[in-house]
Amino acid sequence: MANNSKTIQEIEKLLAQNFIFDAYFKSEIKKKIPALNGAQLTKLLDALTEADDFQRETLADKIRKDKNFYRRVIAEKKKFDEAVLITYKKKMEKHDKNKIGALLARLKNF
């Protein structure tokens, strides 16, 4: 059982750092994890490790060929993160906005 928990932690880590698969696909995999046995978890870990290796090799190759590639990726990620925050802030309820304001005020004191 302890071995399964280590495997599950590694699977979750690989899913978190993966950007090849979309968020919905990753969430579907996470939902299935509790029902998998040790052999199935190992197969899933192997597949995710292969995907991680592919992602790393492909990214390294792209960066070698185009020195600005990584900067463009980071710039696009930053735009996306900002868009998510803007969307979230638009959807917040008044009490949520008040709570965030109070937290920000407290954090400014540090």
Foldseek 3Di string as FASTA:
>chain_A
DVVLVVLLVLLVVLLVPDDPDDPVVSVVVVVCSVVDDPVVSVVSSVVSVVSVVVVVVVVVVVCVVPVCVVVVVVVVVVVVVVVVVVVVVVPDDPVVVVVVVVVVVVVVVD
